[in-house]
């Protein structure tokens, strides 16, 4: 199983002082050198952490795969088509949220999402949709023209007891099976950490886990290289 490392919170720390460090690009290089299979960054409409210059630099130095998280806003789609990351992941976005809350409602916004998917695909960019592990969203994702989905694992990660965790894990497993039947590549992420990741990593047909906050948090104490290696070992 592959590991995508999200470096947004390195940029969050940089923006806390409005300076130049720590540098997200350096974090990407360290993550790659220690086993990351992809680098993930989210260019938000409000530019609260990652900036346009960051994604230009990331595109120029990343040797694995660059996965740009983004909304379907036309301005952001324009930037992605110009920079040409290897992959984009379309996510819902609210200005007031601390982090992405829930999956994209593809079923409700099919026309808008299909248009963004086509523009990005025409630019030679692979497109993933960040969705909740629900049957109607998976089918809508297939109809949108995207070739992959990333399942939102936040509900599983936040489960308060083992029974609920088991039920949500079962739902995730069923969603993965349906997506594979529809010939979609399957990723997963959100809220995964060193304590809960192993059960998700054990689900067949999930190709990649995208993890950010937990890795960057652990890096404060053990260093980014070791934090990435430890997570990579857990998901193998």
Protein backbone atom coordinates (compact mmCIF):
# COMPACT_ATOMS: atom_id res chain seq x y z
CA UNK A 1 0.00 0.00 0.00
CA UNK A 2 1.24 3.47 -0.89
CA UNK A 3 1.50 6.45 1.45
CA UNK A 4 0.70 10.02 0.43
CA UNK A 5 2.00 12.63 2.88
CA UNK A 6 0.02 15.85 3.19
CA UNK A 7 2.29 18.81 3.96
CA UNK A 8 -0.38 21.49 4.49
CA UNK A 9 0.39 21.89 8.17
CA UNK A 10 4.01 22.69 7.49
CA UNK A 11 2.65 25.71 5.61
CA UNK A 12 0.21 26.38 8.48
CA UNK A 13 3.18 26.72 10.84
CA UNK A 14 4.93 29.03 8.37
CA UNK A 15 1.86 31.25 8.09
CA UNK A 16 1.56 31.51 11.89
CA UNK A 17 4.46 33.97 11.77
CA UNK A 18 4.02 35.16 8.20
CA UNK A 19 7.63 34.29 7.40
CA UNK A 20 9.48 31.90 5.12
CA UNK A 21 9.94 28.86 7.33
CA UNK A 22 9.35 26.02 7.67
CA UNK A 23 9.36 25.40 3.93
CA UNK A 24 6.73 22.98 2.56
CA UNK A 25 9.01 22.07 -0.33
CA UNK A 26 11.76 20.91 2.04
CA UNK A 27 9.18 18.88 3.94
CA UNK A 28 8.16 17.22 0.67
CA UNK A 29 11.74 16.28 -0.12
CA UNK A 30 12.30 14.82 3.36
CA UNK A 31 9.05 12.85 3.13
CA UNK A 32 10.02 11.43 -0.27
CA UNK A 33 13.49 10.49 0.97
CA UNK A 34 11.92 8.51 3.81
CA UNK A 35 9.36 6.48 1.88
CA UNK A 36 6.47 8.73 0.87
CA UNK A 37 4.96 7.57 -2.41
CA UNK A 38 3.18 10.88 -3.08
CA UNK A 39 3.05 14.42 -1.75
CA UNK A 40 -0.32 16.01 -1.10
CA UNK A 41 -1.06 19.74 -0.73
CA UNK A 42 -4.35 21.65 -0.64
CA UNK A 43 -4.55 25.00 -2.41
CA UNK A 44 -7.52 26.55 -0.65
CA UNK A 45 -9.48 29.44 -2.07
CA UNK A 46 -8.54 31.57 0.97
CA UNK A 47 -4.83 30.58 0.68
CA UNK A 48 -4.68 29.98 4.43
CA UNK A 49 -1.58 27.80 4.15
CA UNK A 50 -0.40 26.54 0.73
CA UNK A 51 0.16 29.31 -1.85
CA UNK A 52 0.40 29.27 -5.65
CA UNK A 53 4.18 29.58 -5.46
CA UNK A 54 4.32 26.49 -3.26
CA UNK A 55 2.56 24.34 -5.83
CA UNK A 56 4.76 25.63 -8.65
CA UNK A 57 7.86 24.71 -6.63
CA UNK A 58 6.41 21.36 -5.55
CA UNK A 59 5.65 20.44 -9.14
CA UNK A 60 9.25 21.21 -10.10
CA UNK A 61 10.96 19.15 -7.36
CA UNK A 62 8.71 16.19 -6.52
CA UNK A 63 10.04 12.92 -7.93
CA UNK A 64 7.18 10.65 -6.83
CA UNK A 65 3.70 12.02 -7.51
CA UNK A 66 2.14 15.40 -6.74
CA UNK A 67 -1.50 15.25 -5.64
CA UNK A 68 -3.14 18.69 -5.44
CA UNK A 69 -6.29 18.90 -3.32
CA UNK A 70 -8.63 21.65 -4.49
CA UNK A 71 -12.19 22.85 -4.85
CA UNK A 72 -14.05 23.06 -8.15
CA UNK A 73 -13.83 26.88 -8.16
CA UNK A 74 -12.98 28.00 -11.74
CA UNK A 75 -9.98 30.06 -10.55
CA UNK A 76 -8.45 27.03 -8.83
CA UNK A 77 -9.16 24.78 -11.80
CA UNK A 78 -7.37 27.33 -14.00
CA UNK A 79 -4.30 27.22 -11.74
CA UNK A 80 -4.26 23.41 -11.73
CA UNK A 81 -4.50 23.27 -15.53
CA UNK A 82 -1.52 25.61 -15.73
CA UNK A 83 0.69 23.90 -13.12
CA UNK A 84 -0.34 20.36 -14.16
CA UNK A 85 0.15 18.29 -10.99
CA UNK A 86 0.16 14.55 -11.58
CA UNK A 87 -3.21 14.27 -9.87
CA UNK A 88 -5.88 16.50 -8.39
CA UNK A 89 -8.34 15.51 -5.69
CA UNK A 90 -11.54 17.52 -5.73
CA UNK A 91 -12.76 18.23 -2.21
CA UNK A 92 -15.57 20.27 -0.63
CA UNK A 93 -14.44 23.54 0.87
CA UNK A 94 -15.97 25.89 3.45
CA UNK A 95 -14.24 29.08 4.54
CA UNK A 96 -15.10 28.61 8.23
CA UNK A 97 -13.92 25.01 8.59
CA UNK A 98 -10.61 24.11 10.23
CA UNK A 99 -10.11 21.15 7.92
CA UNK A 100 -12.14 19.39 5.23
CA UNK A 101 -15.36 18.18 6.83
CA UNK A 102 -17.00 15.29 5.02
CA UNK A 103 -16.90 14.26 1.41
CA UNK A 104 -17.84 16.01 -1.79
CA UNK A 105 -21.55 15.69 -2.67
CA UNK A 106 -21.04 14.50 -6.22
CA UNK A 107 -24.66 13.35 -6.59
CA UNK A 108 -25.98 16.84 -5.83
CA UNK A 109 -23.39 18.75 -7.86
CA UNK A 110 -22.93 16.38 -10.79
CA UNK A 111 -22.95 19.01 -13.56
CA UNK A 112 -20.39 21.30 -11.93
CA UNK A 113 -18.10 18.46 -10.94
CA UNK A 114 -18.31 16.77 -14.33
CA UNK A 115 -17.28 20.04 -15.98
CA UNK A 116 -14.25 20.41 -13.70
CA UNK A 117 -13.26 16.78 -14.20
CA UNK A 118 -13.37 17.18 -17.98
CA UNK A 119 -11.24 20.34 -17.95
CA UNK A 120 -8.64 18.73 -15.74
CA UNK A 121 -8.60 15.46 -17.66
CA UNK A 122 -8.25 17.35 -20.95
CA UNK A 123 -5.15 18.99 -19.42
CA UNK A 124 -3.66 15.54 -18.85
CA UNK A 125 -4.30 15.44 -15.08
CA UNK A 126 -5.69 12.40 -13.26
CA UNK A 127 -8.74 13.26 -11.18
CA UNK A 128 -9.88 11.82 -7.85
CA UNK A 129 -13.01 12.75 -5.90
CA UNK A 130 -12.94 12.91 -2.10
CA UNK A 131 -16.24 11.34 -1.08
CA UNK A 132 -17.98 9.67 1.82
CA UNK A 133 -18.15 5.86 1.46
CA UNK A 134 -21.77 5.92 0.29
CA UNK A 135 -23.25 3.97 -2.61
CA UNK A 136 -24.90 6.97 -4.29
CA UNK A 137 -21.70 9.02 -4.13
CA UNK A 138 -19.61 6.20 -5.58
CA UNK A 139 -21.99 5.76 -8.51
CA UNK A 140 -22.09 9.53 -9.05
CA UNK A 141 -18.28 9.63 -8.99
CA UNK A 142 -18.17 7.04 -11.76
CA UNK A 143 -20.62 9.08 -13.85
CA UNK A 144 -18.53 12.24 -13.36
CA UNK A 145 -15.67 10.86 -15.45
CA UNK A 146 -13.17 10.69 -12.58
CA UNK A 147 -10.95 7.62 -12.58
CA UNK A 148 -10.41 7.38 -8.82
CA UNK A 149 -12.03 8.13 -5.47
CA UNK A 150 -10.64 8.85 -2.03
CA UNK A 151 -12.90 7.72 0.78
CA UNK A 152 -13.33 10.06 3.74
CA UNK A 153 -12.35 8.07 6.84
CA UNK A 154 -13.18 10.75 9.40
CA UNK A 155 -16.24 8.97 10.81
CA UNK A 156 -14.22 5.82 11.40
CA UNK A 157 -11.34 7.80 12.93
CA UNK A 158 -13.71 9.60 15.31
CA UNK A 159 -15.71 6.52 16.41
CA UNK A 160 -16.23 6.57 20.17
CA UNK A 161 -16.51 2.82 20.73
CA UNK A 162 -15.42 -0.45 19.16
CA UNK A 163 -18.90 -1.43 17.93
CA UNK A 164 -19.27 1.80 15.96
CA UNK A 165 -15.71 1.52 14.68
CA UNK A 166 -16.39 -2.02 13.44
CA UNK A 167 -19.61 -0.97 11.73
CA UNK A 168 -17.96 1.96 9.96
CA UNK A 169 -15.04 -0.21 8.93
CA UNK A 170 -17.52 -2.65 7.40
CA UNK A 171 -19.19 0.21 5.51
CA UNK A 172 -15.81 1.30 4.21
CA UNK A 173 -14.97 -2.22 3.07
CA UNK A 174 -18.29 -2.47 1.17
CA UNK A 175 -17.67 0.92 -0.45
CA UNK A 176 -14.21 -0.17 -1.59
CA UNK A 177 -15.66 -3.32 -3.15
CA UNK A 178 -18.29 -1.34 -5.06
CA UNK A 179 -15.75 1.19 -6.31
CA UNK A 180 -13.51 -1.60 -7.58
CA UNK A 181 -16.46 -3.21 -9.39
CA UNK A 182 -16.97 0.13 -11.12
CA UNK A 183 -13.27 0.11 -12.07
CA UNK A 184 -12.33 3.07 -9.90
CA UNK A 185 -8.97 3.32 -8.18
CA UNK A 186 -9.45 3.64 -4.43
CA UNK A 187 -7.62 5.83 -1.91
CA UNK A 188 -8.60 6.72 1.64
CA UNK A 189 -7.76 9.35 4.22
CA UNK A 190 -8.74 11.87 6.91
CA UNK A 191 -8.23 11.49 10.63
CA UNK A 192 -5.96 8.47 10.26
CA UNK A 193 -3.16 8.23 12.81
CA UNK A 194 -0.60 5.83 14.24
CA UNK A 195 -3.23 4.17 16.44
CA UNK A 196 -6.09 3.62 13.98
CA UNK A 197 -4.46 3.30 10.56
CA UNK A 198 -3.69 -0.42 10.61
CA UNK A 199 -7.30 -1.59 10.31
CA UNK A 200 -7.89 0.60 7.26
CA UNK A 201 -4.58 -0.47 5.76
CA UNK A 202 -5.82 -4.05 6.06
CA UNK A 203 -8.69 -3.51 3.62
CA UNK A 204 -7.96 -5.10 0.26
CA UNK A 205 -8.04 -2.88 -2.85
CA UNK A 206 -7.26 0.41 -1.11
CA UNK A 207 -4.20 1.50 -3.06
CA UNK A 208 -3.08 4.53 -1.08
CA UNK A 209 -3.65 6.27 2.24
CA UNK A 210 -3.23 10.04 2.41
CA UNK A 211 -2.21 11.28 5.86
CA UNK A 212 -1.05 14.68 7.02
CA UNK A 213 -1.87 16.03 10.47
CA UNK A 214 -0.81 12.96 12.42
CA UNK A 215 2.54 12.68 10.62
CA UNK A 216 3.36 16.40 11.00
CA UNK A 217 2.32 16.27 14.67
CA UNK A 218 4.60 13.31 15.37
CA UNK A 219 7.39 15.02 13.46
CA UNK A 220 7.48 17.72 16.15
CA UNK A 221 8.84 15.11 18.56
CA UNK A 222 10.76 12.61 16.41
CA UNK A 223 11.53 14.47 13.18
CA UNK A 224 9.71 14.29 9.87
CA UNK A 225 11.85 11.53 8.37
CA UNK A 226 11.24 9.15 11.24
CA UNK A 227 7.53 10.05 11.40
CA UNK A 228 7.09 9.16 7.72
CA UNK A 229 9.06 5.91 8.09
CA UNK A 230 6.98 4.83 11.09
CA UNK A 231 3.70 5.44 9.25
CA UNK A 232 4.99 3.67 6.16
CA UNK A 233 5.91 0.65 8.29
CA UNK A 234 2.41 0.56 9.82
CA UNK A 235 0.61 0.45 6.49
CA UNK A 236 2.83 -2.11 4.79
